[in-house]
Amino acid sequence: MKVNIEDVLFWMDAIRNCEDRYRTLESFWKGQVHSKLWLIENLERSCKEQDNEIEIHGGWNGVLAALLFNSNLSVKKITSIDIDPECKEISETINKRYEMAGRFTSETFDMCKWVSNSDIVINTSCEHLTQEQYDTWLSNINNEKSLIVLQSNNYFDHKEHIRCSHNLQEFIETSHLRILWSGELEFSKYTRFMIIGYKNV
């Protein structure tokens, strides 16, 4: 992947201008970036459609959106949704070129109450949702043709992780999707799991 240098400069602005620089830098940790690149690589293989409208639930500081804009995926617009209001300004700065062009928006909203109709719906924060919250979130995806991308992990030691999976099969069984692709990525402290598929209908 080749990243536009103008985007990198806005990333630096986001880090420099925020009150808690360490919090923003967390988005660029190796594990975070490698997980996002792995997602994009497999999404590119699974989706050949043009002009995709994408939603990222639990979009955090907008780094995944920025990388998607620099990928080979055909992207019309990305909406990043996060319940944390501090993420909005950071994600808008990181994606400033696309925000100015009307191709990126950041929304402060509870993902479990958001109704989705986009071509691609991404949730890389499944470990932060209870099973009940996840089921509610999934039920609010109204477009049966939406391609859904999920990530979780087996990092039970993190205090904010309330629904990790012990292995990929457990993640598949609790996600209730028709699976197109699934896989796992090993890190030193945990394994990240990913599923790409559609809602069961």
Protein backbone atom coordinates (compact mmCIF):
# COMPACT_ATOMS: atom_id res chain seq x y z
CA MET A 1 0.00 0.00 0.00
CA LYS A 2 1.25 3.45 -0.94
CA VAL A 3 0.08 6.18 1.43
CA ASN A 4 -0.34 9.72 0.16
CA ILE A 5 2.17 11.99 1.93
CA GLU A 6 -0.51 14.68 2.34
CA ASP A 7 -2.47 12.22 4.48
CA VAL A 8 0.59 11.51 6.62
CA LEU A 9 1.01 15.23 7.27
CA PHE A 10 -2.57 15.44 8.54
CA TRP A 11 -1.90 12.42 10.76
CA MET A 12 0.97 14.35 12.31
CA ASP A 13 -1.32 17.37 12.79
CA ALA A 14 -3.83 15.17 14.63
CA ILE A 15 -1.13 13.91 17.00
CA ARG A 16 0.42 17.33 17.54
CA ASN A 17 -2.85 19.18 18.13
CA CYS A 18 -4.65 16.81 20.51
CA GLU A 19 -4.50 17.23 24.26
CA ASP A 20 -3.59 13.59 24.91
CA ARG A 21 -0.97 12.71 22.31
CA TYR A 22 -0.33 9.26 23.74
CA ARG A 23 -4.00 8.38 23.33
CA THR A 24 -3.87 9.29 19.64
CA LEU A 25 -0.54 7.51 19.13
CA GLU A 26 -2.17 4.31 20.40
CA SER A 27 -3.99 4.18 17.05
CA PHE A 28 -0.63 3.76 15.32
CA TRP A 29 0.77 0.92 17.43
CA LYS A 30 2.18 -1.91 15.32
CA GLY A 31 -0.55 -4.36 16.32
CA GLN A 32 -3.26 -1.84 15.47
CA VAL A 33 -1.82 -0.96 12.07
CA HIS A 34 -1.02 -4.55 11.09
CA SER A 35 -4.56 -5.62 12.04
CA LYS A 36 -6.02 -2.89 9.84
CA LEU A 37 -3.75 -3.72 6.89
CA TRP A 38 -4.70 -7.40 7.25
CA LEU A 39 -8.37 -6.40 7.19
CA ILE A 40 -7.92 -4.30 4.06
CA GLU A 41 -5.94 -6.98 2.24
CA ASN A 42 -8.70 -9.55 2.74
CA LEU A 43 -11.52 -7.09 2.13
CA GLU A 44 -9.98 -6.18 -1.23
CA ARG A 45 -10.11 -9.86 -2.17
CA SER A 46 -13.71 -10.27 -1.02
CA CYS A 47 -15.23 -7.10 -2.47
CA LYS A 48 -14.91 -6.21 -6.16
CA GLU A 49 -17.81 -3.75 -6.19
CA GLN A 50 -17.31 -0.12 -7.20
CA ASP A 51 -18.03 3.09 -5.27
CA ASN A 52 -18.62 1.43 -1.92
CA GLU A 53 -20.21 3.33 0.93
CA ILE A 54 -18.54 2.10 4.10
CA GLU A 55 -19.40 2.41 7.78
CA ILE A 56 -16.80 1.75 10.48
CA HIS A 57 -18.40 1.08 13.85
CA GLY A 58 -16.10 1.76 16.75
CA GLY A 59 -14.09 3.84 14.30
CA TRP A 60 -11.96 5.29 17.09
CA ASN A 61 -9.49 7.90 15.75
CA GLY A 62 -10.13 7.23 12.07
CA VAL A 63 -6.91 5.43 11.12
CA LEU A 64 -8.71 2.51 9.44
CA ALA A 65 -10.70 4.95 7.34
CA ALA A 66 -7.51 6.73 6.27
CA LEU A 67 -5.90 3.45 5.25
CA LEU A 68 -9.02 2.38 3.34
CA PHE A 69 -8.90 5.61 1.35
CA ASN A 70 -5.30 4.72 0.41
CA SER A 71 -6.13 1.12 -0.49
CA ASN A 72 -7.11 -0.46 -3.81
CA LEU A 73 -10.72 -0.74 -2.65
CA SER A 74 -13.19 1.45 -4.54
CA VAL A 75 -14.44 3.87 -1.86
CA LYS A 76 -17.18 6.44 -2.41
CA LYS A 77 -17.63 7.53 1.20
CA ILE A 78 -16.75 6.41 4.73
CA THR A 79 -18.71 7.15 7.90
CA SER A 80 -16.83 6.54 11.15
CA ILE A 81 -19.03 5.98 14.21
CA ASP A 82 -17.77 6.06 17.79
CA ILE A 83 -19.45 6.70 21.13
CA ASP A 84 -16.44 8.66 22.43
CA PRO A 85 -16.86 12.38 21.54
CA GLU A 86 -13.10 12.95 21.70
CA CYS A 87 -12.65 10.78 18.61
CA LYS A 88 -14.56 13.11 16.28
CA GLU A 89 -12.03 15.93 15.95
CA ILE A 90 -9.07 13.55 15.76
CA SER A 91 -10.65 11.36 13.08
CA GLU A 92 -11.70 14.40 11.06
CA THR A 93 -8.12 15.72 11.11
CA ILE A 94 -6.62 12.34 10.19
CA ASN A 95 -9.05 12.16 7.24
CA LYS A 96 -9.06 15.90 6.50
CA ARG A 97 -8.56 15.64 2.73
CA TYR A 98 -11.55 13.32 2.41
CA GLU A 99 -13.69 15.27 4.85
CA MET A 100 -13.16 18.44 2.80
CA ALA A 101 -14.18 16.52 -0.32
CA GLY A 102 -17.38 15.26 1.35
CA ARG A 103 -16.17 11.66 1.38
CA PHE A 104 -15.63 11.26 5.14
CA THR A 105 -17.83 11.98 8.11
CA SER A 106 -17.36 11.21 11.80
CA GLU A 107 -20.39 10.65 14.03
CA THR A 108 -20.52 10.51 17.83
CA PHE A 109 -23.11 7.81 18.36
CA ASP A 110 -23.79 4.51 20.11
CA MET A 111 -23.19 1.88 17.42
CA CYS A 112 -25.88 -0.35 18.96
CA LYS A 113 -28.49 2.28 18.10
CA TRP A 114 -27.23 3.10 14.61
CA VAL A 115 -29.25 1.78 11.66
CA SER A 116 -27.02 0.66 8.77
CA ASN A 117 -27.74 0.40 5.06
CA SER A 118 -24.21 0.75 3.66
CA ASP A 119 -22.46 -1.53 1.20
CA ILE A 120 -19.79 -2.49 3.73
CA VAL A 121 -20.15 -2.43 7.53
CA ILE A 122 -17.00 -2.90 9.62
CA ASN A 123 -16.82 -3.57 13.35
CA THR A 124 -13.34 -4.19 14.74
CA SER A 125 -14.50 -3.70 18.35
CA CYS A 126 -16.52 -6.88 18.94
CA GLU A 127 -14.62 -7.61 22.16
CA HIS A 128 -15.98 -4.35 23.61
CA LEU A 129 -19.63 -5.45 23.25
CA THR A 130 -21.63 -7.90 25.31
CA GLN A 131 -23.38 -10.64 23.32
CA GLU A 132 -26.69 -8.83 23.82
CA GLN A 133 -25.21 -5.57 22.53
CA TYR A 134 -23.66 -7.33 19.56
CA ASP A 135 -26.95 -9.03 18.64
CA THR A 136 -28.72 -5.66 18.82
CA TRP A 137 -26.03 -4.08 16.66
CA LEU A 138 -26.30 -6.84 14.05
CA SER A 139 -30.11 -6.58 13.97
CA ASN A 140 -29.79 -2.90 12.99
CA ILE A 141 -28.02 -3.72 9.71
CA ASN A 142 -31.03 -3.45 7.42
CA ASN A 143 -29.40 -4.15 4.06
CA GLU A 144 -29.11 -7.92 3.62
CA LYS A 145 -26.53 -7.27 0.89
CA SER A 146 -24.22 -5.41 3.28
CA LEU A 147 -20.82 -7.06 3.44
CA ILE A 148 -19.92 -7.31 7.13
CA VAL A 149 -16.36 -7.38 8.49
CA LEU A 150 -15.78 -8.29 12.13
CA GLN A 151 -12.66 -8.45 14.27
CA SER A 152 -12.13 -9.66 17.83
CA ASN A 153 -9.33 -11.25 19.85
CA ASN A 154 -8.45 -13.50 22.79
CA TYR A 155 -6.83 -10.76 24.88
CA PHE A 156 -8.86 -11.31 28.06
CA ASP A 157 -6.46 -9.34 30.26
CA HIS A 158 -7.56 -5.94 28.93
CA LYS A 159 -10.09 -4.43 31.34
CA GLU A 160 -12.27 -3.04 28.51
CA HIS A 161 -12.53 -6.40 26.74
CA ILE A 162 -15.83 -7.87 27.91
CA ARG A 163 -16.49 -10.41 25.14
CA CYS A 164 -13.30 -11.96 23.84
CA SER A 165 -13.29 -15.32 22.08
CA HIS A 166 -11.04 -18.21 23.03
CA ASN A 167 -10.54 -19.17 19.37
CA LEU A 168 -11.73 -18.42 15.86
CA GLN A 169 -14.46 -21.06 15.91
CA GLU A 170 -16.02 -19.54 19.02
CA PHE A 171 -15.98 -16.11 17.37
CA ILE A 172 -17.69 -17.55 14.29
CA GLU A 173 -20.39 -19.27 16.36
CA THR A 174 -21.28 -16.12 18.31
CA SER A 175 -21.25 -13.80 15.27
CA HIS A 176 -24.24 -15.29 13.37
CA LEU A 177 -23.00 -14.59 9.84
CA ARG A 178 -22.88 -16.52 6.59
CA ILE A 179 -19.11 -16.73 6.31
CA LEU A 180 -17.25 -15.82 3.12
CA TRP A 181 -13.84 -15.79 4.76
CA SER A 182 -12.36 -16.18 8.22
CA GLY A 183 -8.85 -16.15 9.61
CA GLU A 184 -6.55 -15.30 12.48
CA LEU A 185 -3.44 -13.19 12.92
CA GLU A 186 -0.91 -14.03 15.62
CA PHE A 187 0.70 -11.40 17.83
CA SER A 188 3.01 -11.88 20.79
CA LYS A 189 0.30 -11.30 23.44
CA TYR A 190 -2.89 -12.27 21.63
CA THR A 191 -4.48 -13.58 18.45
CA ARG A 192 -6.78 -11.40 16.38
CA PHE A 193 -9.73 -13.07 14.67
CA MET A 194 -11.56 -11.81 11.59
CA ILE A 195 -14.72 -12.77 9.74
CA ILE A 196 -16.10 -11.47 6.44
CA GLY A 197 -19.65 -12.41 5.53
CA TYR A 198 -23.35 -11.54 5.38
CA LYS A 199 -26.23 -11.59 7.86
CA ASN A 200 -28.12 -14.84 8.16
CA VAL A 201 -31.57 -14.33 6.62
